[in-house]
Amino acid sequence: MEHPYAELIGFHFEEQRPGYSRCVLEVGDKHRNPHGVTHGAVLYALADTGMGAALYPTLEPGQMCATIQITMNYFKPVVSGVVTCTTEVVNRGKTVAHLESRLFAGELLVATANGNYSIFTPRGSAS
């Protein structure tokens, strides 16, 4: 699937299937904050986009999903290398889904995220 925001930041999906995604980013200078570490918003974007990618294949035709809330926990700074974000759907109801992401730099767990997503059919869409 084409994803302009993923292209902007520079990450790609290694795997996407119903209820699961894995995306990867090679950290570069454009991802660092003034202190030389990967900006937290970059890791947040990996988790948020990974959650949407895991949930999207579970939707019915005409449905969409949107982030309601995400809680990030950052454990270790990432200076360089490859960051991998794996995401799983924990619970999927009719209108809300809960997902969890784990972000690794190599084998080191650097952050986790928990998110809730709204599942809906946009107004004016065919049912």
Protein backbone atom coordinates (compact mmCIF):
# COMPACT_ATOMS: atom_id res chain seq x y z
CA MET A 1 0.00 0.00 0.00
CA GLU A 2 1.31 3.48 -0.85
CA HIS A 3 1.85 5.57 2.26
CA PRO A 4 3.08 9.16 1.65
CA TYR A 5 3.76 9.90 5.33
CA ALA A 6 5.88 6.77 5.73
CA GLU A 7 7.82 7.84 2.64
CA LEU A 8 8.31 11.34 4.08
CA ILE A 9 9.83 10.00 7.30
CA GLY A 10 11.65 7.21 5.50
CA PHE A 11 10.26 3.99 6.92
CA HIS A 12 8.75 0.98 5.19
CA PHE A 13 6.58 -2.00 6.05
CA GLU A 14 8.23 -5.41 6.15
CA GLU A 15 4.95 -7.14 6.98
CA GLN A 16 1.28 -6.21 7.14
CA ARG A 17 -1.59 -8.61 7.72
CA PRO A 18 -4.90 -8.48 9.62
CA GLY A 19 -4.04 -7.73 13.24
CA TYR A 20 -0.27 -7.35 12.77
CA SER A 21 2.33 -5.08 11.21
CA ARG A 22 6.09 -4.64 11.26
CA CYS A 23 7.70 -1.43 10.03
CA VAL A 24 11.36 -0.49 9.89
CA LEU A 25 13.29 2.78 9.91
CA GLU A 26 17.00 3.34 9.39
CA VAL A 27 17.84 6.30 11.61
CA GLY A 28 19.48 9.22 9.82
CA ASP A 29 20.40 12.81 10.59
CA LYS A 30 16.90 14.06 9.68
CA HIS A 31 15.41 11.92 12.48
CA ARG A 32 17.55 13.35 15.30
CA ASN A 33 16.69 16.10 17.74
CA PRO A 34 19.22 18.82 18.72
CA HIS A 35 20.70 16.43 21.31
CA GLY A 36 21.67 13.89 18.65
CA VAL A 37 19.10 11.22 19.46
CA THR A 38 16.08 10.09 17.44
CA HIS A 39 13.21 12.49 18.08
CA GLY A 40 10.39 10.96 20.11
CA ALA A 41 7.89 12.06 17.46
CA VAL A 42 9.62 9.79 14.94
CA LEU A 43 9.14 6.78 17.22
CA TYR A 44 5.56 7.88 17.88
CA ALA A 45 4.94 8.05 14.13
CA LEU A 46 6.24 4.50 13.72
CA ALA A 47 3.86 3.25 16.41
CA ASP A 48 0.84 5.24 15.20
CA THR A 49 1.30 4.26 11.57
CA GLY A 50 2.06 0.66 12.53
CA MET A 51 -1.17 0.51 14.52
CA GLY A 52 -3.19 1.78 11.59
CA ALA A 53 -1.47 -0.73 9.31
CA ALA A 54 -2.34 -3.63 11.64
CA LEU A 55 -5.96 -2.53 12.02
CA TYR A 56 -6.74 -1.47 8.46
CA PRO A 57 -6.86 -5.02 6.97
CA THR A 58 -9.53 -5.97 9.55
CA LEU A 59 -11.95 -3.26 8.37
CA GLU A 60 -15.02 -3.87 6.26
CA PRO A 61 -15.28 -2.19 2.84
CA GLY A 62 -16.09 1.51 3.34
CA GLN A 63 -14.84 1.61 6.95
CA MET A 64 -12.00 3.77 8.19
CA CYS A 65 -10.06 4.00 11.42
CA ALA A 66 -8.68 6.98 13.31
CA THR A 67 -6.46 7.38 16.34
CA ILE A 68 -8.35 8.16 19.55
CA GLN A 69 -5.43 7.97 21.99
CA ILE A 70 -1.88 6.65 22.17
CA THR A 71 0.32 6.36 25.23
CA MET A 72 4.07 6.10 24.56
CA ASN A 73 6.68 4.86 26.99
CA TYR A 74 10.28 5.65 26.04
CA PHE A 75 12.97 3.51 27.68
CA LYS A 76 16.25 4.14 25.86
CA PRO A 77 17.52 6.79 23.43
CA VAL A 78 18.18 5.76 19.83
CA VAL A 79 21.25 7.38 18.27
CA SER A 80 21.69 5.31 15.11
CA GLY A 81 20.89 2.02 13.48
CA VAL A 82 17.60 0.41 12.56
CA VAL A 83 14.38 0.75 14.58
CA THR A 84 11.75 -1.97 14.14
CA CYS A 85 8.18 -1.48 15.30
CA THR A 86 5.94 -4.53 15.70
CA THR A 87 2.25 -4.01 16.36
CA GLU A 88 -0.59 -6.34 17.28
CA VAL A 89 -4.31 -5.83 17.70
CA VAL A 90 -5.09 -6.76 21.31
CA ASN A 91 -8.87 -6.31 21.13
CA ARG A 92 -11.10 -5.33 18.23
CA GLY A 93 -14.67 -4.38 18.93
CA LYS A 94 -17.24 -3.03 16.49
CA THR A 95 -16.31 0.64 17.01
CA VAL A 96 -13.04 0.67 18.99
CA ALA A 97 -9.84 -1.35 18.76
CA HIS A 98 -6.94 -1.53 21.21
CA LEU A 99 -3.42 -2.13 19.89
CA GLU A 100 0.10 -2.50 21.29
CA SER A 101 3.41 -1.65 19.64
CA ARG A 102 6.95 -2.56 20.66
CA LEU A 103 9.89 -0.64 19.22
CA PHE A 104 13.37 -2.15 19.09
CA ALA A 105 16.82 -0.83 18.17
CA GLY A 106 18.41 -4.11 17.21
CA GLU A 107 17.45 -6.44 20.06
CA LEU A 108 17.02 -3.62 22.61
CA LEU A 109 13.46 -2.60 23.54
CA VAL A 110 13.48 1.21 23.32
CA ALA A 111 9.77 2.06 23.58
CA THR A 112 6.25 0.68 23.80
CA ALA A 113 2.91 2.17 22.82
CA ASN A 114 -0.72 1.40 23.62
CA GLY A 115 -3.41 2.87 21.41
CA ASN A 116 -7.14 3.03 20.90
CA TYR A 117 -8.63 3.54 17.45
CA SER A 118 -12.12 4.44 16.35
CA ILE A 119 -13.67 2.24 13.65
CA PHE A 120 -16.35 3.98 11.59
CA THR A 121 -17.99 4.47 8.22
CA PRO A 122 -17.63 8.09 7.07
CA ARG A 123 -20.86 10.03 6.54
CA GLY A 124 -22.00 9.96 2.96
CA SER A 125 -20.31 6.60 2.30
CA ALA A 126 -22.25 3.71 0.89
CA SER A 127 -23.05 1.13 3.58
